[in-house]
Amino acid sequence: MSMFLVENIELIHLNQDVKTHKGLGIHVINMANFCNKKSLDYTLYLQAYHNFLKFIEACMLPGSLLPRAWDAHFLGMSQDPHFTAEWRIFLYMDIKMCQQLVNNPLALEMGSPLY
């Protein structure tokens, strides 16, 4: 997620000191370039999350519901009065979901009690 911070997007765009490796014939950005998202405070995470949503929306087929569903989910979570004080709960859930998507890209079960 931290690669979607404005400063890191600029580094990627300008190709300044961003380490990559070859993967399936393309250059893959090495995530060691960026801080661990667990270290992001609420404001930085919010910035990165919204930039991430813009990115995936641009990459997906027109009319895809996934970016809007994630945006609605975050909006719903953020309206909870305890959210900003306890937003790390959301952060760790996000980390867990990302790990599962990477390890089992087609195994996400919408409506599962885990999510």
PDB file of N, CA and C in Angstrom:
ATOM      1  N   MET A   1       0.817  -1.188   0.000  1.00  0.00           N
ATOM      2  CA  MET A   1       0.000   0.000   0.000  1.00  0.00           C
ATOM      3  C   MET A   1       0.866   1.258   0.000  1.00  0.00           C
ATOM      4  N   SER A   2       2.015   1.202   0.653  1.00  0.00           N
ATOM      5  CA  SER A   2       2.843   2.409   0.766  1.00  0.00           C
ATOM      6  C   SER A   2       3.390   2.873  -0.584  1.00  0.00           C
ATOM      7  N   MET A   3       3.404   2.000  -1.584  1.00  0.00           N
ATOM      8  CA  MET A   3       3.858   2.453  -2.894  1.00  0.00           C
ATOM      9  C   MET A   3       2.891   3.454  -3.506  1.00  0.00           C
ATOM     10  N   PHE A   4       1.665   3.551  -2.968  1.00  0.00           N
ATOM     11  CA  PHE A   4       0.671   4.476  -3.492  1.00  0.00           C
ATOM     12  C   PHE A   4       0.676   5.830  -2.791  1.00  0.00           C
ATOM     13  N   LEU A   5       1.657   6.060  -1.910  1.00  0.00           N
ATOM     14  CA  LEU A   5       1.829   7.399  -1.356  1.00  0.00           C
ATOM     15  C   LEU A   5       2.309   8.317  -2.485  1.00  0.00           C
ATOM     16  N   VAL A   6       1.905   9.567  -2.455  1.00  0.00           N
ATOM     17  CA  VAL A   6       2.232  10.510  -3.529  1.00  0.00           C
ATOM     18  C   VAL A   6       3.736  10.539  -3.804  1.00  0.00           C
ATOM     19  N   GLU A   7       4.546  10.613  -2.759  1.00  0.00           N
ATOM     20  CA  GLU A   7       6.002  10.687  -2.955  1.00  0.00           C
ATOM     21  C   GLU A   7       6.551   9.442  -3.647  1.00  0.00           C
ATOM     22  N   ASN A   8       5.977   8.277  -3.353  1.00  0.00           N
ATOM     23  CA  ASN A   8       6.448   7.039  -3.972  1.00  0.00           C
ATOM     24  C   ASN A   8       5.939   6.885  -5.406  1.00  0.00           C
ATOM     25  N   ILE A   9       4.737   7.365  -5.663  1.00  0.00           N
ATOM     26  CA  ILE A   9       4.234   7.350  -7.037  1.00  0.00           C
ATOM     27  C   ILE A   9       5.140   8.204  -7.916  1.00  0.00           C
ATOM     28  N   GLU A  10       5.592   9.342  -7.391  1.00  0.00           N
ATOM     29  CA  GLU A  10       6.503  10.207  -8.147  1.00  0.00           C
ATOM     30  C   GLU A  10       7.828   9.504  -8.423  1.00  0.00           C
ATOM     31  N   LEU A  11       8.362   8.791  -7.420  1.00  0.00           N
ATOM     32  CA  LEU A  11       9.612   8.052  -7.620  1.00  0.00           C
ATOM     33  C   LEU A  11       9.453   6.994  -8.705  1.00  0.00           C
ATOM     34  N   ILE A  12       8.326   6.293  -8.690  1.00  0.00           N
ATOM     35  CA  ILE A  12       8.071   5.269  -9.702  1.00  0.00           C
ATOM     36  C   ILE A  12       7.934   5.919 -11.077  1.00  0.00           C
ATOM     37  N   HIS A  13       7.149   6.983 -11.130  1.00  0.00           N
ATOM     38  CA  HIS A  13       6.919   7.666 -12.408  1.00  0.00           C
ATOM     39  C   HIS A  13       8.219   8.197 -13.008  1.00  0.00           C
ATOM     40  N   LEU A  14       9.085   8.748 -12.165  1.00  0.00           N
ATOM     41  CA  LEU A  14      10.351   9.313 -12.645  1.00  0.00           C
ATOM     42  C   LEU A  14      11.467   8.277 -12.705  1.00  0.00           C
ATOM     43  N   ASN A  15      11.176   7.039 -12.255  1.00  0.00           N
ATOM     44  CA  ASN A  15      12.152   5.949 -12.223  1.00  0.00           C
ATOM     45  C   ASN A  15      13.414   6.351 -11.464  1.00  0.00           C
ATOM     46  N   GLN A  16      13.211   6.882 -10.266  1.00  0.00           N
ATOM     47  CA  GLN A  16      14.322   7.334  -9.432  1.00  0.00           C
ATOM     48  C   GLN A  16      14.566   6.359  -8.289  1.00  0.00           C
ATOM     49  N   ASP A  17      15.639   5.615  -8.394  1.00  0.00           N
ATOM     50  CA  ASP A  17      16.075   4.708  -7.327  1.00  0.00           C
ATOM     51  C   ASP A  17      14.999   3.695  -6.925  1.00  0.00           C
ATOM     52  N   VAL A  18      14.220   3.220  -7.878  1.00  0.00           N
ATOM     53  CA  VAL A  18      13.212   2.198  -7.606  1.00  0.00           C
ATOM     54  C   VAL A  18      13.735   0.873  -8.130  1.00  0.00           C
ATOM     55  N   LYS A  19      14.008  -0.036  -7.205  1.00  0.00           N
ATOM     56  CA  LYS A  19      14.549  -1.339  -7.584  1.00  0.00           C
ATOM     57  C   LYS A  19      13.427  -2.225  -8.133  1.00  0.00           C
ATOM     58  N   THR A  20      13.753  -2.957  -9.195  1.00  0.00           N
ATOM     59  CA  THR A  20      12.793  -3.877  -9.808  1.00  0.00           C
ATOM     60  C   THR A  20      13.495  -5.203 -10.073  1.00  0.00           C
ATOM     61  N   HIS A  21      12.706  -6.191 -10.389  1.00  0.00           N
ATOM     62  CA  HIS A  21      13.245  -7.461 -10.858  1.00  0.00           C
ATOM     63  C   HIS A  21      12.364  -7.942 -12.003  1.00  0.00           C
ATOM     64  N   LYS A  22      12.909  -8.832 -12.817  1.00  0.00           N
ATOM     65  CA  LYS A  22      12.148  -9.355 -13.956  1.00  0.00           C
ATOM     66  C   LYS A  22      11.227 -10.464 -13.487  1.00  0.00           C
ATOM     67  N   GLY A  23       9.997 -10.418 -13.939  1.00  0.00           N
ATOM     68  CA  GLY A  23       9.029 -11.441 -13.618  1.00  0.00           C
ATOM     69  C   GLY A  23       8.086 -11.631 -14.780  1.00  0.00           C
ATOM     70  N   LEU A  24       8.076 -12.778 -15.369  1.00  0.00           N
ATOM     71  CA  LEU A  24       7.217 -13.083 -16.517  1.00  0.00           C
ATOM     72  C   LEU A  24       7.401 -12.070 -17.653  1.00  0.00           C
ATOM     73  N   GLY A  25       8.650 -11.655 -17.871  1.00  0.00           N
ATOM     74  CA  GLY A  25       8.957 -10.766 -18.976  1.00  0.00           C
ATOM     75  C   GLY A  25       8.701  -9.294 -18.726  1.00  0.00           C
ATOM     76  N   ILE A  26       8.295  -8.926 -17.514  1.00  0.00           N
ATOM     77  CA  ILE A  26       8.069  -7.523 -17.195  1.00  0.00           C
ATOM     78  C   ILE A  26       8.877  -7.145 -15.961  1.00  0.00           C
ATOM     79  N   HIS A  27       9.056  -5.856 -15.749  1.00  0.00           N
ATOM     80  CA  HIS A  27       9.735  -5.401 -14.536  1.00  0.00           C
ATOM     81  C   HIS A  27       8.719  -5.300 -13.405  1.00  0.00           C
ATOM     82  N   VAL A  28       9.024  -5.951 -12.299  1.00  0.00           N
ATOM     83  CA  VAL A  28       8.166  -5.951 -11.120  1.00  0.00           C
ATOM     84  C   VAL A  28       8.829  -5.083 -10.064  1.00  0.00           C
ATOM     85  N   ILE A  29       8.062  -4.175  -9.485  1.00  0.00           N
ATOM     86  CA  ILE A  29       8.607  -3.283  -8.468  1.00  0.00           C
ATOM     87  C   ILE A  29       8.888  -4.064  -7.196  1.00  0.00           C
ATOM     88  N   ASN A  30      10.098  -3.907  -6.681  1.00  0.00           N
ATOM     89  CA  ASN A  30      10.493  -4.549  -5.432  1.00  0.00           C
ATOM     90  C   ASN A  30       9.895  -3.756  -4.274  1.00  0.00           C
ATOM     91  N   MET A  31       9.069  -4.394  -3.472  1.00  0.00           N
ATOM     92  CA  MET A  31       8.385  -3.697  -2.392  1.00  0.00           C
ATOM     93  C   MET A  31       9.326  -3.259  -1.275  1.00  0.00           C
ATOM     94  N   ALA A  32      10.561  -3.739  -1.285  1.00  0.00           N
ATOM     95  CA  ALA A  32      11.542  -3.295  -0.291  1.00  0.00           C
ATOM     96  C   ALA A  32      11.891  -1.821  -0.485  1.00  0.00           C
ATOM     97  N   ASN A  33      11.486  -1.231  -1.629  1.00  0.00           N
ATOM     98  CA  ASN A  33      11.702   0.195  -1.861  1.00  0.00           C
ATOM     99  C   ASN A  33      10.892   1.061  -0.899  1.00  0.00           C
ATOM    100  N   PHE A  34       9.836   0.512  -0.368  1.00  0.00           N
ATOM    101  CA  PHE A  34       8.863   1.306   0.372  1.00  0.00           C
ATOM    102  C   PHE A  34       8.736   0.815   1.805  1.00  0.00           C
ATOM    103  N   CYS A  35       8.247   1.701   2.666  1.00  0.00           N
ATOM    104  CA  CYS A  35       8.072   1.326   4.069  1.00  0.00           C
ATOM    105  C   CYS A  35       6.961   0.287   4.195  1.00  0.00           C
ATOM    106  N   ASN A  36       7.005  -0.444   5.267  1.00  0.00           N
ATOM    107  CA  ASN A  36       5.971  -1.430   5.563  1.00  0.00           C
ATOM    108  C   ASN A  36       4.677  -0.687   5.864  1.00  0.00           C
ATOM    109  N   LYS A  37       3.563  -1.138   5.302  1.00  0.00           N
ATOM    110  CA  LYS A  37       2.325  -0.392   5.506  1.00  0.00           C
ATOM    111  C   LYS A  37       1.864  -0.410   6.956  1.00  0.00           C
ATOM    112  N   LYS A  38       2.379  -1.330   7.762  1.00  0.00           N
ATOM    113  CA  LYS A  38       2.045  -1.323   9.193  1.00  0.00           C
ATOM    114  C   LYS A  38       2.562  -0.061   9.878  1.00  0.00           C
ATOM    115  N   SER A  39       3.563   0.586   9.272  1.00  0.00           N
ATOM    116  CA  SER A  39       4.137   1.781   9.886  1.00  0.00           C
ATOM    117  C   SER A  39       3.424   3.068   9.476  1.00  0.00           C
ATOM    118  N   LEU A  40       2.458   2.970   8.558  1.00  0.00           N
ATOM    119  CA  LEU A  40       1.754   4.170   8.108  1.00  0.00           C
ATOM    120  C   LEU A  40       0.784   4.658   9.178  1.00  0.00           C
ATOM    121  N   ASP A  41       0.756   5.975   9.372  1.00  0.00           N
ATOM    122  CA  ASP A  41      -0.264   6.512  10.255  1.00  0.00           C
ATOM    123  C   ASP A  41      -1.569   6.631   9.467  1.00  0.00           C
ATOM    124  N   TYR A  42      -2.633   7.013  10.145  1.00  0.00           N
ATOM    125  CA  TYR A  42      -3.953   7.039   9.516  1.00  0.00           C
ATOM    126  C   TYR A  42      -3.988   7.938   8.281  1.00  0.00           C
ATOM    127  N   THR A  43      -3.415   9.121   8.373  1.00  0.00           N
ATOM    128  CA  THR A  43      -3.454  10.076   7.267  1.00  0.00           C
ATOM    129  C   THR A  43      -2.726   9.541   6.042  1.00  0.00           C
ATOM    130  N   LEU A  44      -1.548   8.971   6.234  1.00  0.00           N
ATOM    131  CA  LEU A  44      -0.800   8.420   5.106  1.00  0.00           C
ATOM    132  C   LEU A  44      -1.497   7.199   4.521  1.00  0.00           C
ATOM    133  N   TYR A  45      -2.061   6.359   5.382  1.00  0.00           N
ATOM    134  CA  TYR A  45      -2.777   5.194   4.880  1.00  0.00           C
ATOM    135  C   TYR A  45      -3.977   5.634   4.042  1.00  0.00           C
ATOM    136  N   LEU A  46      -4.694   6.641   4.516  1.00  0.00           N
ATOM    137  CA  LEU A  46      -5.853   7.147   3.792  1.00  0.00           C
ATOM    138  C   LEU A  46      -5.448   7.661   2.410  1.00  0.00           C
ATOM    139  N   GLN A  47      -4.342   8.399   2.350  1.00  0.00           N
ATOM    140  CA  GLN A  47      -3.827   8.885   1.061  1.00  0.00           C
ATOM    141  C   GLN A  47      -3.503   7.719   0.131  1.00  0.00           C
ATOM    142  N   ALA A  48      -2.771   6.739   0.640  1.00  0.00           N
ATOM    143  CA  ALA A  48      -2.373   5.592  -0.171  1.00  0.00           C
ATOM    144  C   ALA A  48      -3.587   4.785  -0.618  1.00  0.00           C
ATOM    145  N   TYR A  49      -4.544   4.592   0.271  1.00  0.00           N
ATOM    146  CA  TYR A  49      -5.734   3.795  -0.048  1.00  0.00           C
ATOM    147  C   TYR A  49      -6.524   4.436  -1.182  1.00  0.00           C
ATOM    148  N   HIS A  50      -6.705   5.745  -1.112  1.00  0.00           N
ATOM    149  CA  HIS A  50      -7.469   6.420  -2.171  1.00  0.00           C
ATOM    150  C   HIS A  50      -6.712   6.419  -3.499  1.00  0.00           C
ATOM    151  N   ASN A  51      -5.398   6.548  -3.459  1.00  0.00           N
ATOM    152  CA  ASN A  51      -4.611   6.450  -4.698  1.00  0.00           C
ATOM    153  C   ASN A  51      -4.666   5.036  -5.268  1.00  0.00           C
ATOM    154  N   PHE A  52      -4.649   4.040  -4.383  1.00  0.00           N
ATOM    155  CA  PHE A  52      -4.780   2.641  -4.807  1.00  0.00           C
ATOM    156  C   PHE A  52      -6.114   2.423  -5.524  1.00  0.00           C
ATOM    157  N   LEU A  53      -7.187   2.969  -4.960  1.00  0.00           N
ATOM    158  CA  LEU A  53      -8.505   2.822  -5.594  1.00  0.00           C
ATOM    159  C   LEU A  53      -8.524   3.456  -6.986  1.00  0.00           C
ATOM    160  N   LYS A  54      -7.901   4.612  -7.126  1.00  0.00           N
ATOM    161  CA  LYS A  54      -7.827   5.263  -8.442  1.00  0.00           C
ATOM    162  C   LYS A  54      -7.048   4.393  -9.419  1.00  0.00           C
ATOM    163  N   PHE A  55      -5.972   3.793  -8.938  1.00  0.00           N
ATOM    164  CA  PHE A  55      -5.136   2.948  -9.776  1.00  0.00           C
ATOM    165  C   PHE A  55      -5.896   1.715 -10.264  1.00  0.00           C
ATOM    166  N   ILE A  56      -6.529   1.000  -9.340  1.00  0.00           N
ATOM    167  CA  ILE A  56      -7.225  -0.220  -9.768  1.00  0.00           C
ATOM    168  C   ILE A  56      -8.415   0.113 -10.647  1.00  0.00           C
ATOM    169  N   GLU A  57      -9.059   1.239 -10.402  1.00  0.00           N
ATOM    170  CA  GLU A  57     -10.179   1.635 -11.254  1.00  0.00           C
ATOM    171  C   GLU A  57      -9.700   1.876 -12.686  1.00  0.00           C
ATOM    172  N   ALA A  58      -8.520   2.476 -12.820  1.00  0.00           N
ATOM    173  CA  ALA A  58      -7.958   2.728 -14.151  1.00  0.00           C
ATOM    174  C   ALA A  58      -7.538   1.427 -14.843  1.00  0.00           C
ATOM    175  N   CYS A  59      -7.187   0.409 -14.057  1.00  0.00           N
ATOM    176  CA  CYS A  59      -6.705  -0.855 -14.617  1.00  0.00           C
ATOM    177  C   CYS A  59      -7.820  -1.855 -14.915  1.00  0.00           C
ATOM    178  N   MET A  60      -8.983  -1.650 -14.351  1.00  0.00           N
ATOM    179  CA  MET A  60     -10.059  -2.632 -14.496  1.00  0.00           C
ATOM    180  C   MET A  60     -10.954  -2.277 -15.678  1.00  0.00           C
ATOM    181  N   LEU A  61     -11.747  -3.227 -16.081  1.00  0.00           N
ATOM    182  CA  LEU A  61     -12.696  -3.005 -17.166  1.00  0.00           C
ATOM    183  C   LEU A  61     -13.696  -1.923 -16.767  1.00  0.00           C
ATOM    184  N   PRO A  62     -14.118  -1.103 -17.718  1.00  0.00           N
ATOM    185  CA  PRO A  62     -15.121  -0.075 -17.402  1.00  0.00           C
ATOM    186  C   PRO A  62     -16.366  -0.710 -16.783  1.00  0.00           C
ATOM    187  N   GLY A  63     -16.871  -0.053 -15.754  1.00  0.00           N
ATOM    188  CA  GLY A  63     -18.071  -0.549 -15.094  1.00  0.00           C
ATOM    189  C   GLY A  63     -17.821  -1.578 -14.008  1.00  0.00           C
ATOM    190  N   SER A  64     -16.544  -1.922 -13.758  1.00  0.00           N
ATOM    191  CA  SER A  64     -16.242  -2.896 -12.714  1.00  0.00           C
ATOM    192  C   SER A  64     -16.723  -2.368 -11.366  1.00  0.00           C
ATOM    193  N   LEU A  65     -17.340  -3.231 -10.598  1.00  0.00           N
ATOM    194  CA  LEU A  65     -17.885  -2.836  -9.300  1.00  0.00           C
ATOM    195  C   LEU A  65     -16.871  -2.923  -8.173  1.00  0.00           C
ATOM    196  N   LEU A  66     -15.768  -3.633  -8.383  1.00  0.00           N
ATOM    197  CA  LEU A  66     -14.820  -3.866  -7.295  1.00  0.00           C
ATOM    198  C   LEU A  66     -14.260  -2.574  -6.688  1.00  0.00           C
ATOM    199  N   PRO A  67     -13.742  -1.614  -7.485  1.00  0.00           N
ATOM    200  CA  PRO A  67     -13.223  -0.389  -6.855  1.00  0.00           C
ATOM    201  C   PRO A  67     -14.297   0.355  -6.057  1.00  0.00           C
ATOM    202  N   ARG A  68     -15.518   0.403  -6.582  1.00  0.00           N
ATOM    203  CA  ARG A  68     -16.594   1.092  -5.858  1.00  0.00           C
ATOM    204  C   ARG A  68     -16.979   0.339  -4.597  1.00  0.00           C
ATOM    205  N   ALA A  69     -16.920  -0.988  -4.637  1.00  0.00           N
ATOM    206  CA  ALA A  69     -17.243  -1.784  -3.445  1.00  0.00           C
ATOM    207  C   ALA A  69     -16.204  -1.558  -2.351  1.00  0.00           C
ATOM    208  N   TRP A  70     -14.924  -1.528  -2.730  1.00  0.00           N
ATOM    209  CA  TRP A  70     -13.873  -1.260  -1.743  1.00  0.00           C
ATOM    210  C   TRP A  70     -14.001   0.148  -1.178  1.00  0.00           C
ATOM    211  N   ASP A  71     -14.323   1.117  -2.041  1.00  0.00           N
ATOM    212  CA  ASP A  71     -14.494   2.487  -1.588  1.00  0.00           C
ATOM    213  C   ASP A  71     -15.677   2.585  -0.622  1.00  0.00           C
ATOM    214  N   ALA A  72     -16.780   1.930  -0.950  1.00  0.00           N
ATOM    215  CA  ALA A  72     -17.954   1.938  -0.081  1.00  0.00           C
ATOM    216  C   ALA A  72     -17.649   1.252   1.250  1.00  0.00           C
ATOM    217  N   HIS A  73     -16.875   0.170   1.197  1.00  0.00           N
ATOM    218  CA  HIS A  73     -16.490  -0.537   2.423  1.00  0.00           C
ATOM    219  C   HIS A  73     -15.676   0.385   3.332  1.00  0.00           C
ATOM    220  N   PHE A  74     -14.679   1.059   2.748  1.00  0.00           N
ATOM    221  CA  PHE A  74     -13.845   1.960   3.548  1.00  0.00           C
ATOM    222  C   PHE A  74     -14.674   3.114   4.101  1.00  0.00           C
ATOM    223  N   LEU A  75     -15.558   3.670   3.281  1.00  0.00           N
ATOM    224  CA  LEU A  75     -16.402   4.769   3.730  1.00  0.00           C
ATOM    225  C   LEU A  75     -17.279   4.324   4.890  1.00  0.00           C
ATOM    226  N   GLY A  76     -17.872   3.146   4.776  1.00  0.00           N
ATOM    227  CA  GLY A  76     -18.697   2.613   5.855  1.00  0.00           C
ATOM    228  C   GLY A  76     -17.910   2.412   7.137  1.00  0.00           C
ATOM    229  N   MET A  77     -16.709   1.860   6.998  1.00  0.00           N
ATOM    230  CA  MET A  77     -15.852   1.637   8.171  1.00  0.00           C
ATOM    231  C   MET A  77     -15.465   2.973   8.805  1.00  0.00           C
ATOM    232  N   SER A  78     -15.106   3.940   7.977  1.00  0.00           N
ATOM    233  CA  SER A  78     -14.596   5.214   8.496  1.00  0.00           C
ATOM    234  C   SER A  78     -15.676   6.047   9.170  1.00  0.00           C
ATOM    235  N   GLN A  79     -16.937   5.724   8.955  1.00  0.00           N
ATOM    236  CA  GLN A  79     -18.015   6.460   9.600  1.00  0.00           C
ATOM    237  C   GLN A  79     -18.286   5.977  11.019  1.00  0.00           C
ATOM    238  N   ASP A  80     -17.687   4.863  11.392  1.00  0.00           N
ATOM    239  CA  ASP A  80     -17.812   4.383  12.766  1.00  0.00           C
ATOM    240  C   ASP A  80     -17.097   5.385  13.672  1.00  0.00           C
ATOM    241  N   PRO A  81     -17.711   5.823  14.771  1.00  0.00           N
ATOM    242  CA  PRO A  81     -17.082   6.831  15.639  1.00  0.00           C
ATOM    243  C   PRO A  81     -15.753   6.384  16.259  1.00  0.00           C
ATOM    244  N   HIS A  82     -15.499   5.093  16.317  1.00  0.00           N
ATOM    245  CA  HIS A  82     -14.254   4.584  16.895  1.00  0.00           C
ATOM    246  C   HIS A  82     -13.182   4.313  15.839  1.00  0.00           C
ATOM    247  N   PHE A  83     -13.523   4.533  14.583  1.00  0.00           N
ATOM    248  CA  PHE A  83     -12.640   4.116  13.497  1.00  0.00           C
ATOM    249  C   PHE A  83     -11.274   4.793  13.549  1.00  0.00           C
ATOM    250  N   THR A  84     -11.214   6.109  13.664  1.00  0.00           N
ATOM    251  CA  THR A  84      -9.905   6.769  13.613  1.00  0.00           C
ATOM    252  C   THR A  84      -9.034   6.383  14.801  1.00  0.00           C
ATOM    253  N   ALA A  85      -9.639   6.178  15.950  1.00  0.00           N
ATOM    254  CA  ALA A  85      -8.858   5.786  17.125  1.00  0.00           C
ATOM    255  C   ALA A  85      -8.377   4.338  17.023  1.00  0.00           C
ATOM    256  N   GLU A  86      -9.149   3.506  16.355  1.00  0.00           N
ATOM    257  CA  GLU A  86      -8.831   2.080  16.272  1.00  0.00           C
ATOM    258  C   GLU A  86      -8.682   1.618  14.823  1.00  0.00           C
ATOM    259  N   TRP A  87      -8.203   2.506  13.960  1.00  0.00           N
ATOM    260  CA  TRP A  87      -8.139   2.199  12.530  1.00  0.00           C
ATOM    261  C   TRP A  87      -7.149   1.091  12.219  1.00  0.00           C
ATOM    262  N   ARG A  88      -6.211   0.801  13.118  1.00  0.00           N
ATOM    263  CA  ARG A  88      -5.253  -0.280  12.868  1.00  0.00           C
ATOM    264  C   ARG A  88      -5.938  -1.645  12.748  1.00  0.00           C
ATOM    265  N   ILE A  89      -7.109  -1.782  13.340  1.00  0.00           N
ATOM    266  CA  ILE A  89      -7.876  -3.020  13.172  1.00  0.00           C
ATOM    267  C   ILE A  89      -8.205  -3.190  11.690  1.00  0.00           C
ATOM    268  N   PHE A  90      -8.666  -2.114  11.066  1.00  0.00           N
ATOM    269  CA  PHE A  90      -8.939  -2.145   9.634  1.00  0.00           C
ATOM    270  C   PHE A  90      -7.655  -2.430   8.866  1.00  0.00           C
ATOM    271  N   LEU A  91      -6.573  -1.794   9.265  1.00  0.00           N
ATOM    272  CA  LEU A  91      -5.286  -1.978   8.592  1.00  0.00           C
ATOM    273  C   LEU A  91      -4.872  -3.448   8.619  1.00  0.00           C
ATOM    274  N   TYR A  92      -4.956  -4.090   9.773  1.00  0.00           N
ATOM    275  CA  TYR A  92      -4.536  -5.486   9.872  1.00  0.00           C
ATOM    276  C   TYR A  92      -5.482  -6.419   9.109  1.00  0.00           C
ATOM    277  N   MET A  93      -6.768  -6.074   9.049  1.00  0.00           N
ATOM    278  CA  MET A  93      -7.691  -6.853   8.233  1.00  0.00           C
ATOM    279  C   MET A  93      -7.312  -6.714   6.757  1.00  0.00           C
ATOM    280  N   ASP A  94      -6.962  -5.494   6.346  1.00  0.00           N
ATOM    281  CA  ASP A  94      -6.539  -5.240   4.974  1.00  0.00           C
ATOM    282  C   ASP A  94      -5.282  -6.039   4.636  1.00  0.00           C
ATOM    283  N   ILE A  95      -4.331  -6.061   5.550  1.00  0.00           N
ATOM    284  CA  ILE A  95      -3.094  -6.817   5.340  1.00  0.00           C
ATOM    285  C   ILE A  95      -3.411  -8.307   5.183  1.00  0.00           C
ATOM    286  N   LYS A  96      -4.274  -8.822   6.041  1.00  0.00           N
ATOM    287  CA  LYS A  96      -4.651 -10.239   5.978  1.00  0.00           C
ATOM    288  C   LYS A  96      -5.340 -10.563   4.651  1.00  0.00           C
ATOM    289  N   MET A  97      -6.237  -9.689   4.208  1.00  0.00           N
ATOM    290  CA  MET A  97      -6.927  -9.915   2.941  1.00  0.00           C
ATOM    291  C   MET A  97      -5.938  -9.915   1.779  1.00  0.00           C
ATOM    292  N   CYS A  98      -5.004  -8.970   1.783  1.00  0.00           N
ATOM    293  CA  CYS A  98      -4.010  -8.895   0.706  1.00  0.00           C
ATOM    294  C   CYS A  98      -3.143 -10.143   0.684  1.00  0.00           C
ATOM    295  N   GLN A  99      -2.724 -10.619   1.858  1.00  0.00           N
ATOM    296  CA  GLN A  99      -1.909 -11.829   1.917  1.00  0.00           C
ATOM    297  C   GLN A  99      -2.671 -13.009   1.337  1.00  0.00           C
ATOM    298  N   GLN A 100      -3.937 -13.126   1.665  1.00  0.00           N
ATOM    299  CA  GLN A 100      -4.725 -14.250   1.160  1.00  0.00           C
ATOM    300  C   GLN A 100      -4.948 -14.133  -0.341  1.00  0.00           C
ATOM    301  N   LEU A 101      -5.126 -12.918  -0.844  1.00  0.00           N
ATOM    302  CA  LEU A 101      -5.315 -12.739  -2.283  1.00  0.00           C
ATOM    303  C   LEU A 101      -4.051 -13.082  -3.046  1.00  0.00           C
ATOM    304  N   VAL A 102      -2.890 -12.745  -2.480  1.00  0.00           N
ATOM    305  CA  VAL A 102      -1.625 -13.053  -3.140  1.00  0.00           C
ATOM    306  C   VAL A 102      -1.352 -14.548  -3.093  1.00  0.00           C
ATOM    307  N   ASN A 103      -1.606 -15.171  -1.959  1.00  0.00           N
ATOM    308  CA  ASN A 103      -1.333 -16.598  -1.809  1.00  0.00           C
ATOM    309  C   ASN A 103      -2.348 -17.463  -2.545  1.00  0.00           C
ATOM    310  N   ASN A 104      -3.580 -17.025  -2.630  1.00  0.00           N
ATOM    311  CA  ASN A 104      -4.653 -17.773  -3.288  1.00  0.00           C
ATOM    312  C   ASN A 104      -5.495 -16.799  -4.112  1.00  0.00           C
ATOM    313  N   PRO A 105      -4.979 -16.349  -5.258  1.00  0.00           N
ATOM    314  CA  PRO A 105      -5.646 -15.273  -5.983  1.00  0.00           C
ATOM    315  C   PRO A 105      -7.105 -15.519  -6.352  1.00  0.00           C
ATOM    316  N   LEU A 106      -7.528 -16.748  -6.501  1.00  0.00           N
ATOM    317  CA  LEU A 106      -8.906 -17.006  -6.897  1.00  0.00           C
ATOM    318  C   LEU A 106      -9.741 -17.582  -5.772  1.00  0.00           C
ATOM    319  N   ALA A 107      -9.219 -17.560  -4.544  1.00  0.00           N
ATOM    320  CA  ALA A 107      -9.905 -18.209  -3.430  1.00  0.00           C
ATOM    321  C   ALA A 107     -10.753 -17.267  -2.594  1.00  0.00           C
ATOM    322  N   LEU A 108     -10.856 -15.992  -2.962  1.00  0.00           N
ATOM    323  CA  LEU A 108     -11.644 -15.052  -2.167  1.00  0.00           C
ATOM    324  C   LEU A 108     -13.120 -15.434  -2.253  1.00  0.00           C
ATOM    325  N   GLU A 109     -13.727 -15.633  -1.105  1.00  0.00           N
ATOM    326  CA  GLU A 109     -15.132 -15.988  -1.055  1.00  0.00           C
ATOM    327  C   GLU A 109     -15.908 -14.800  -0.505  1.00  0.00           C
ATOM    328  N   MET A 110     -16.569 -14.079  -1.393  1.00  0.00           N
ATOM    329  CA  MET A 110     -17.349 -12.925  -0.959  1.00  0.00           C
ATOM    330  C   MET A 110     -18.437 -13.397  -0.014  1.00  0.00           C
ATOM    331  N   GLY A 111     -18.640 -12.668   1.055  1.00  0.00           N
ATOM    332  CA  GLY A 111     -19.649 -13.031   2.037  1.00  0.00           C
ATOM    333  C   GLY A 111     -19.145 -13.989   3.080  1.00  0.00           C
ATOM    334  N   SER A 112     -17.881 -14.412   2.969  1.00  0.00           N
ATOM    335  CA  SER A 112     -17.309 -15.313   3.958  1.00  0.00           C
ATOM    336  C   SER A 112     -17.286 -14.617   5.322  1.00  0.00           C
ATOM    337  N   PRO A 113     -17.537 -15.336   6.415  1.00  0.00           N
ATOM    338  CA  PRO A 113     -17.486 -14.731   7.749  1.00  0.00           C
ATOM    339  C   PRO A 113     -16.126 -14.085   8.044  1.00  0.00           C
ATOM    340  N   LEU A 114     -15.050 -14.553   7.414  1.00  0.00           N
ATOM    341  CA  LEU A 114     -13.737 -13.980   7.645  1.00  0.00           C
ATOM    342  C   LEU A 114     -13.686 -12.523   7.216  1.00  0.00           C
ATOM    343  N   TYR A 115     -14.442 -12.175   6.165  1.00  0.00           N
ATOM    344  CA  TYR A 115     -14.396 -10.821   5.632  1.00  0.00           C
ATOM    345  C   TYR A 115     -15.596 -10.034   6.070  1.00  0.00           C
TER     346      TYR A 115
END
